[in-house]
Amino acid sequence: MANINNKKESLDFVYDFYVKMKRNKINLAYEGEITHQITKAFTSLTETNMAREEDASSVQKKVFHVMVECLQNISKHAECSPDASGKKDGRGIFMVSKGDTEYNVTTGNIILNDKVEHLAQMLENINSKDKDGLNQLYKKQMREGHISERGGAGLGFIDIARKTGEKLIYSFIKIDEKTSFFVLTSTISRIKE
């Protein structure tokens, strides 16, 4: 009987998840390892959906650019989950939602707590800049930015803010004493410029 109840709870979860996705206008959701093949598949699926909506090619290019930057961020920087083997696994969550006037690309992945403060400062610095400030910051990082052991100097975040013209929305949710869950949402306007 317990097995039937577990399956019923699982079915209820699927429906609840479906309702929440519809309510939040989520077109694409994925949890798992992010690979080059996954990135290609997501851009292809999104391209098909956007073509049906007849979004401007400039909007489509921005969405693809943000998607690729966000997925590469997970692939390069995600830590393993606390219940994993301890090996970096490049896993995360990825969602694309479409509203009447914008697309939102949301990603989430585990990071070490000792990286939270630096990452929050970097994101706040990016959010404090206007278009010219972002361009100057990007050039400065290209010239003299510190490249991390995983290849990042914050250029992806700067580039997302430059391309979208929007602030980066983020949160850190503490999992345990060692790790937190980093959530980032990037907004791309569907209104023609």
C-alpha atoms as a PDB file:
ATOM      1  CA  MET A   1       0.000   0.000   0.000  1.00  0.00           C
ATOM      2  CA  ALA A   2       2.903   2.385   0.762  1.00  0.00           C
ATOM      3  CA  ASN A   3       4.196   1.947  -2.793  1.00  0.00           C
ATOM      4  CA  ILE A   4       0.817   2.957  -4.264  1.00  0.00           C
ATOM      5  CA  ASN A   5       0.691   6.036  -1.993  1.00  0.00           C
ATOM      6  CA  ASN A   6       4.220   7.024  -3.090  1.00  0.00           C
ATOM      7  CA  LYS A   7       3.216   6.717  -6.739  1.00  0.00           C
ATOM      8  CA  LYS A   8       0.058   8.753  -6.106  1.00  0.00           C
ATOM      9  CA  GLU A   9       2.149  11.491  -4.441  1.00  0.00           C
ATOM     10  CA  SER A  10       4.467  11.424  -7.443  1.00  0.00           C
ATOM     11  CA  LEU A  11       1.539  11.848  -9.825  1.00  0.00           C
ATOM     12  CA  ASP A  12       0.179  14.706  -7.725  1.00  0.00           C
ATOM     13  CA  PHE A  13       3.601  16.357  -7.838  1.00  0.00           C
ATOM     14  CA  VAL A  14       3.628  16.164 -11.652  1.00  0.00           C
ATOM     15  CA  TYR A  15       0.282  17.932 -11.855  1.00  0.00           C
ATOM     16  CA  ASP A  16       1.304  20.565  -9.286  1.00  0.00           C
ATOM     17  CA  PHE A  17       4.520  21.146 -11.241  1.00  0.00           C
ATOM     18  CA  TYR A  18       2.543  21.480 -14.489  1.00  0.00           C
ATOM     19  CA  VAL A  19       0.192  24.042 -12.905  1.00  0.00           C
ATOM     20  CA  LYS A  20       3.117  26.070 -11.523  1.00  0.00           C
ATOM     21  CA  MET A  21       4.884  26.013 -14.891  1.00  0.00           C
ATOM     22  CA  LYS A  22       1.747  27.247 -16.668  1.00  0.00           C
ATOM     23  CA  ARG A  23       1.143  29.946 -14.041  1.00  0.00           C
ATOM     24  CA  ASN A  24       4.746  31.181 -14.367  1.00  0.00           C
ATOM     25  CA  LYS A  25       4.685  30.830 -18.184  1.00  0.00           C
ATOM     26  CA  ILE A  26       7.682  28.481 -18.205  1.00  0.00           C
ATOM     27  CA  ASN A  27       8.234  27.081 -21.682  1.00  0.00           C
ATOM     28  CA  LEU A  28      11.318  25.014 -20.931  1.00  0.00           C
ATOM     29  CA  ALA A  29      12.625  23.505 -17.702  1.00  0.00           C
ATOM     30  CA  TYR A  30      15.552  21.169 -17.182  1.00  0.00           C
ATOM     31  CA  GLU A  31      17.487  19.815 -14.222  1.00  0.00           C
ATOM     32  CA  GLY A  32      20.648  17.842 -14.710  1.00  0.00           C
ATOM     33  CA  GLU A  33      24.132  17.943 -16.107  1.00  0.00           C
ATOM     34  CA  ILE A  34      24.756  20.742 -18.588  1.00  0.00           C
ATOM     35  CA  THR A  35      26.757  19.635 -21.621  1.00  0.00           C
ATOM     36  CA  HIS A  36      27.451  21.080 -25.063  1.00  0.00           C
ATOM     37  CA  GLN A  37      24.784  18.750 -26.517  1.00  0.00           C
ATOM     38  CA  ILE A  38      22.201  19.937 -23.973  1.00  0.00           C
ATOM     39  CA  THR A  39      23.009  23.571 -24.843  1.00  0.00           C
ATOM     40  CA  LYS A  40      22.533  22.859 -28.554  1.00  0.00           C
ATOM     41  CA  ALA A  41      19.233  21.080 -27.906  1.00  0.00           C
ATOM     42  CA  PHE A  42      17.891  23.958 -25.791  1.00  0.00           C
ATOM     43  CA  THR A  43      18.793  26.612 -28.338  1.00  0.00           C
ATOM     44  CA  SER A  44      17.146  24.536 -31.073  1.00  0.00           C
ATOM     45  CA  LEU A  45      13.944  24.047 -29.032  1.00  0.00           C
ATOM     46  CA  THR A  46      13.835  27.721 -28.125  1.00  0.00           C
ATOM     47  CA  GLU A  47      14.448  28.741 -31.728  1.00  0.00           C
ATOM     48  CA  THR A  48      11.453  26.658 -32.829  1.00  0.00           C
ATOM     49  CA  ASN A  49       9.197  28.148 -30.134  1.00  0.00           C
ATOM     50  CA  MET A  50      10.312  31.713 -30.847  1.00  0.00           C
ATOM     51  CA  ALA A  51       9.801  31.320 -34.587  1.00  0.00           C
ATOM     52  CA  ARG A  52       6.201  30.333 -33.874  1.00  0.00           C
ATOM     53  CA  GLU A  53       5.778  33.469 -31.778  1.00  0.00           C
ATOM     54  CA  GLU A  54       7.356  35.539 -34.570  1.00  0.00           C
ATOM     55  CA  ASP A  55       9.732  37.325 -32.216  1.00  0.00           C
ATOM     56  CA  ALA A  56      12.191  39.701 -33.865  1.00  0.00           C
ATOM     57  CA  SER A  57      15.535  38.180 -34.818  1.00  0.00           C
ATOM     58  CA  SER A  58      17.308  40.667 -32.517  1.00  0.00           C
ATOM     59  CA  VAL A  59      15.245  39.326 -29.585  1.00  0.00           C
ATOM     60  CA  GLN A  60      15.990  35.746 -30.593  1.00  0.00           C
ATOM     61  CA  LYS A  61      19.731  36.458 -30.765  1.00  0.00           C
ATOM     62  CA  LYS A  62      19.695  38.014 -27.290  1.00  0.00           C
ATOM     63  CA  VAL A  63      17.788  35.060 -25.839  1.00  0.00           C
ATOM     64  CA  PHE A  64      20.222  32.578 -27.417  1.00  0.00           C
ATOM     65  CA  HIS A  65      23.216  34.566 -26.212  1.00  0.00           C
ATOM     66  CA  VAL A  66      21.905  34.718 -22.635  1.00  0.00           C
ATOM     67  CA  MET A  67      21.000  31.019 -22.701  1.00  0.00           C
ATOM     68  CA  VAL A  68      24.476  29.994 -23.831  1.00  0.00           C
ATOM     69  CA  GLU A  69      26.222  32.254 -21.289  1.00  0.00           C
ATOM     70  CA  CYS A  70      24.044  30.945 -18.452  1.00  0.00           C
ATOM     71  CA  LEU A  71      24.440  27.306 -19.449  1.00  0.00           C
ATOM     72  CA  GLN A  72      28.218  27.698 -19.775  1.00  0.00           C
ATOM     73  CA  ASN A  73      28.263  29.240 -16.308  1.00  0.00           C
ATOM     74  CA  ILE A  74      26.595  26.154 -14.859  1.00  0.00           C
ATOM     75  CA  SER A  75      28.795  23.794 -16.854  1.00  0.00           C
ATOM     76  CA  LYS A  76      32.007  25.479 -15.713  1.00  0.00           C
ATOM     77  CA  HIS A  77      31.198  26.606 -12.184  1.00  0.00           C
ATOM     78  CA  ALA A  78      28.523  24.385 -10.608  1.00  0.00           C
ATOM     79  CA  GLU A  79      29.679  22.444  -7.566  1.00  0.00           C
ATOM     80  CA  CYS A  80      28.402  18.994  -6.762  1.00  0.00           C
ATOM     81  CA  SER A  81      25.333  18.564  -4.633  1.00  0.00           C
ATOM     82  CA  PRO A  82      25.905  17.708  -0.964  1.00  0.00           C
ATOM     83  CA  ASP A  83      24.640  14.169  -1.517  1.00  0.00           C
ATOM     84  CA  ALA A  84      26.872  13.554  -4.583  1.00  0.00           C
ATOM     85  CA  SER A  85      30.230  11.817  -4.731  1.00  0.00           C
ATOM     86  CA  GLY A  86      32.193  15.021  -4.161  1.00  0.00           C
ATOM     87  CA  LYS A  87      33.206  15.382  -7.820  1.00  0.00           C
ATOM     88  CA  LYS A  88      32.133  18.584  -9.627  1.00  0.00           C
ATOM     89  CA  ASP A  89      29.209  17.507 -11.752  1.00  0.00           C
ATOM     90  CA  GLY A  90      28.143  20.593 -13.735  1.00  0.00           C
ATOM     91  CA  ARG A  91      24.515  20.079 -12.748  1.00  0.00           C
ATOM     92  CA  GLY A  92      21.929  22.749 -12.377  1.00  0.00           C
ATOM     93  CA  ILE A  93      18.455  23.883 -13.235  1.00  0.00           C
ATOM     94  CA  PHE A  94      17.603  25.875 -16.345  1.00  0.00           C
ATOM     95  CA  MET A  95      14.279  27.502 -17.237  1.00  0.00           C
ATOM     96  CA  VAL A  96      12.980  29.799 -19.953  1.00  0.00           C
ATOM     97  CA  SER A  97       9.713  31.647 -19.429  1.00  0.00           C
ATOM     98  CA  LYS A  98       7.878  33.945 -21.798  1.00  0.00           C
ATOM     99  CA  GLY A  99       5.694  36.818 -20.737  1.00  0.00           C
ATOM    100  CA  ASP A 100       3.798  39.281 -22.889  1.00  0.00           C
ATOM    101  CA  THR A 101       6.728  41.705 -23.019  1.00  0.00           C
ATOM    102  CA  GLU A 102       9.797  39.672 -22.052  1.00  0.00           C
ATOM    103  CA  TYR A 103      11.633  36.376 -21.873  1.00  0.00           C
ATOM    104  CA  ASN A 104      13.274  35.298 -18.634  1.00  0.00           C
ATOM    105  CA  VAL A 105      16.175  32.882 -18.528  1.00  0.00           C
ATOM    106  CA  THR A 106      16.624  31.456 -15.036  1.00  0.00           C
ATOM    107  CA  THR A 107      19.418  29.202 -13.905  1.00  0.00           C
ATOM    108  CA  GLY A 108      20.317  27.684 -10.589  1.00  0.00           C
ATOM    109  CA  ASN A 109      23.331  25.748  -9.392  1.00  0.00           C
ATOM    110  CA  ILE A 110      25.238  24.881  -6.271  1.00  0.00           C
ATOM    111  CA  ILE A 111      28.242  27.010  -5.310  1.00  0.00           C
ATOM    112  CA  LEU A 112      30.594  26.980  -2.350  1.00  0.00           C
ATOM    113  CA  ASN A 113      29.673  29.392   0.443  1.00  0.00           C
ATOM    114  CA  ASP A 114      33.143  30.937   0.371  1.00  0.00           C
ATOM    115  CA  LYS A 115      32.379  32.218  -3.152  1.00  0.00           C
ATOM    116  CA  VAL A 116      29.031  33.838  -2.313  1.00  0.00           C
ATOM    117  CA  GLU A 117      30.362  37.171  -1.042  1.00  0.00           C
ATOM    118  CA  HIS A 118      32.685  37.718  -4.030  1.00  0.00           C
ATOM    119  CA  LEU A 119      29.975  36.737  -6.522  1.00  0.00           C
ATOM    120  CA  ALA A 120      27.390  38.991  -4.831  1.00  0.00           C
ATOM    121  CA  GLN A 121      29.831  41.929  -4.937  1.00  0.00           C
ATOM    122  CA  MET A 122      30.549  41.277  -8.620  1.00  0.00           C
ATOM    123  CA  LEU A 123      26.835  41.141  -9.473  1.00  0.00           C
ATOM    124  CA  GLU A 124      26.090  44.296  -7.460  1.00  0.00           C
ATOM    125  CA  ASN A 125      28.925  46.091  -9.264  1.00  0.00           C
ATOM    126  CA  ILE A 126      27.497  45.006 -12.629  1.00  0.00           C
ATOM    127  CA  ASN A 127      23.969  46.092 -11.606  1.00  0.00           C
ATOM    128  CA  SER A 128      25.263  49.515 -10.531  1.00  0.00           C
ATOM    129  CA  LYS A 129      26.546  50.334 -14.037  1.00  0.00           C
ATOM    130  CA  ASP A 130      24.771  52.012 -16.925  1.00  0.00           C
ATOM    131  CA  LYS A 131      25.410  50.992 -20.548  1.00  0.00           C
ATOM    132  CA  ASP A 132      28.669  52.963 -20.844  1.00  0.00           C
ATOM    133  CA  GLY A 133      29.816  51.724 -17.440  1.00  0.00           C
ATOM    134  CA  LEU A 134      29.175  48.121 -18.473  1.00  0.00           C
ATOM    135  CA  ASN A 135      31.157  48.600 -21.685  1.00  0.00           C
ATOM    136  CA  GLN A 136      34.064  50.081 -19.718  1.00  0.00           C
ATOM    137  CA  LEU A 137      33.895  47.282 -17.136  1.00  0.00           C
ATOM    138  CA  TYR A 138      33.867  44.668 -19.897  1.00  0.00           C
ATOM    139  CA  LYS A 139      36.966  46.192 -21.548  1.00  0.00           C
ATOM    140  CA  LYS A 140      38.720  46.463 -18.183  1.00  0.00           C
ATOM    141  CA  GLN A 141      37.995  42.820 -17.374  1.00  0.00           C
ATOM    142  CA  MET A 142      39.241  41.791 -20.830  1.00  0.00           C
ATOM    143  CA  ARG A 143      42.510  43.639 -20.191  1.00  0.00           C
ATOM    144  CA  GLU A 144      43.213  42.977 -16.559  1.00  0.00           C
ATOM    145  CA  GLY A 145      40.536  40.767 -15.040  1.00  0.00           C
ATOM    146  CA  HIS A 146      41.584  37.877 -12.848  1.00  0.00           C
ATOM    147  CA  ILE A 147      40.746  34.587 -14.552  1.00  0.00           C
ATOM    148  CA  SER A 148      39.573  31.957 -12.069  1.00  0.00           C
ATOM    149  CA  GLU A 149      40.838  28.378 -12.103  1.00  0.00           C
ATOM    150  CA  ARG A 150      37.699  27.483 -14.090  1.00  0.00           C
ATOM    151  CA  GLY A 151      38.178  30.183 -16.711  1.00  0.00           C
ATOM    152  CA  GLY A 152      35.846  32.924 -15.484  1.00  0.00           C
ATOM    153  CA  ALA A 153      36.501  36.611 -14.917  1.00  0.00           C
ATOM    154  CA  GLY A 154      32.834  37.611 -14.657  1.00  0.00           C
ATOM    155  CA  LEU A 155      32.724  38.450 -18.363  1.00  0.00           C
ATOM    156  CA  GLY A 156      29.626  36.323 -18.963  1.00  0.00           C
ATOM    157  CA  PHE A 157      27.585  38.224 -16.373  1.00  0.00           C
ATOM    158  CA  ILE A 158      28.815  41.574 -17.699  1.00  0.00           C
ATOM    159  CA  ASP A 159      27.988  40.536 -21.242  1.00  0.00           C
ATOM    160  CA  ILE A 160      24.474  39.422 -20.277  1.00  0.00           C
ATOM    161  CA  ALA A 161      23.810  42.813 -18.658  1.00  0.00           C
ATOM    162  CA  ARG A 162      25.247  44.594 -21.725  1.00  0.00           C
ATOM    163  CA  LYS A 163      23.182  42.589 -24.210  1.00  0.00           C
ATOM    164  CA  THR A 164      19.892  42.726 -22.310  1.00  0.00           C
ATOM    165  CA  GLY A 165      20.128  46.245 -20.873  1.00  0.00           C
ATOM    166  CA  GLU A 166      18.511  44.835 -17.720  1.00  0.00           C
ATOM    167  CA  LYS A 167      19.669  44.276 -14.149  1.00  0.00           C
ATOM    168  CA  LEU A 168      20.617  40.743 -13.145  1.00  0.00           C
ATOM    169  CA  ILE A 169      18.239  39.315 -10.559  1.00  0.00           C
ATOM    170  CA  TYR A 170      19.891  36.835  -8.226  1.00  0.00           C
ATOM    171  CA  SER A 171      19.639  35.049  -4.918  1.00  0.00           C
ATOM    172  CA  PHE A 172      21.760  32.735  -2.773  1.00  0.00           C
ATOM    173  CA  ILE A 173      19.915  30.081  -0.780  1.00  0.00           C
ATOM    174  CA  LYS A 174      22.053  28.423   1.876  1.00  0.00           C
ATOM    175  CA  ILE A 175      21.952  24.629   1.667  1.00  0.00           C
ATOM    176  CA  ASP A 176      24.412  23.761   4.434  1.00  0.00           C
ATOM    177  CA  GLU A 177      27.648  25.020   6.009  1.00  0.00           C
ATOM    178  CA  LYS A 178      29.587  24.344   2.801  1.00  0.00           C
ATOM    179  CA  THR A 179      27.237  25.134  -0.090  1.00  0.00           C
ATOM    180  CA  SER A 180      24.508  27.462  -1.333  1.00  0.00           C
ATOM    181  CA  PHE A 181      22.159  27.420  -4.298  1.00  0.00           C
ATOM    182  CA  PHE A 182      22.779  30.340  -6.667  1.00  0.00           C
ATOM    183  CA  VAL A 183      19.746  31.459  -8.710  1.00  0.00           C
ATOM    184  CA  LEU A 184      20.098  33.985 -11.549  1.00  0.00           C
ATOM    185  CA  THR A 185      17.366  35.458 -13.748  1.00  0.00           C
ATOM    186  CA  SER A 186      18.125  37.455 -16.887  1.00  0.00           C
ATOM    187  CA  THR A 187      15.337  39.369 -18.639  1.00  0.00           C
ATOM    188  CA  ILE A 188      15.207  39.979 -22.381  1.00  0.00           C
ATOM    189  CA  SER A 189      12.609  42.437 -23.683  1.00  0.00           C
ATOM    190  CA  ARG A 190      10.329  41.214 -26.484  1.00  0.00           C
ATOM    191  CA  ILE A 191       9.511  44.810 -27.431  1.00  0.00           C
ATOM    192  CA  LYS A 192      11.288  45.938 -30.598  1.00  0.00           C
ATOM    193  CA  GLU A 193      13.835  48.651 -29.968  1.00  0.00           C
END
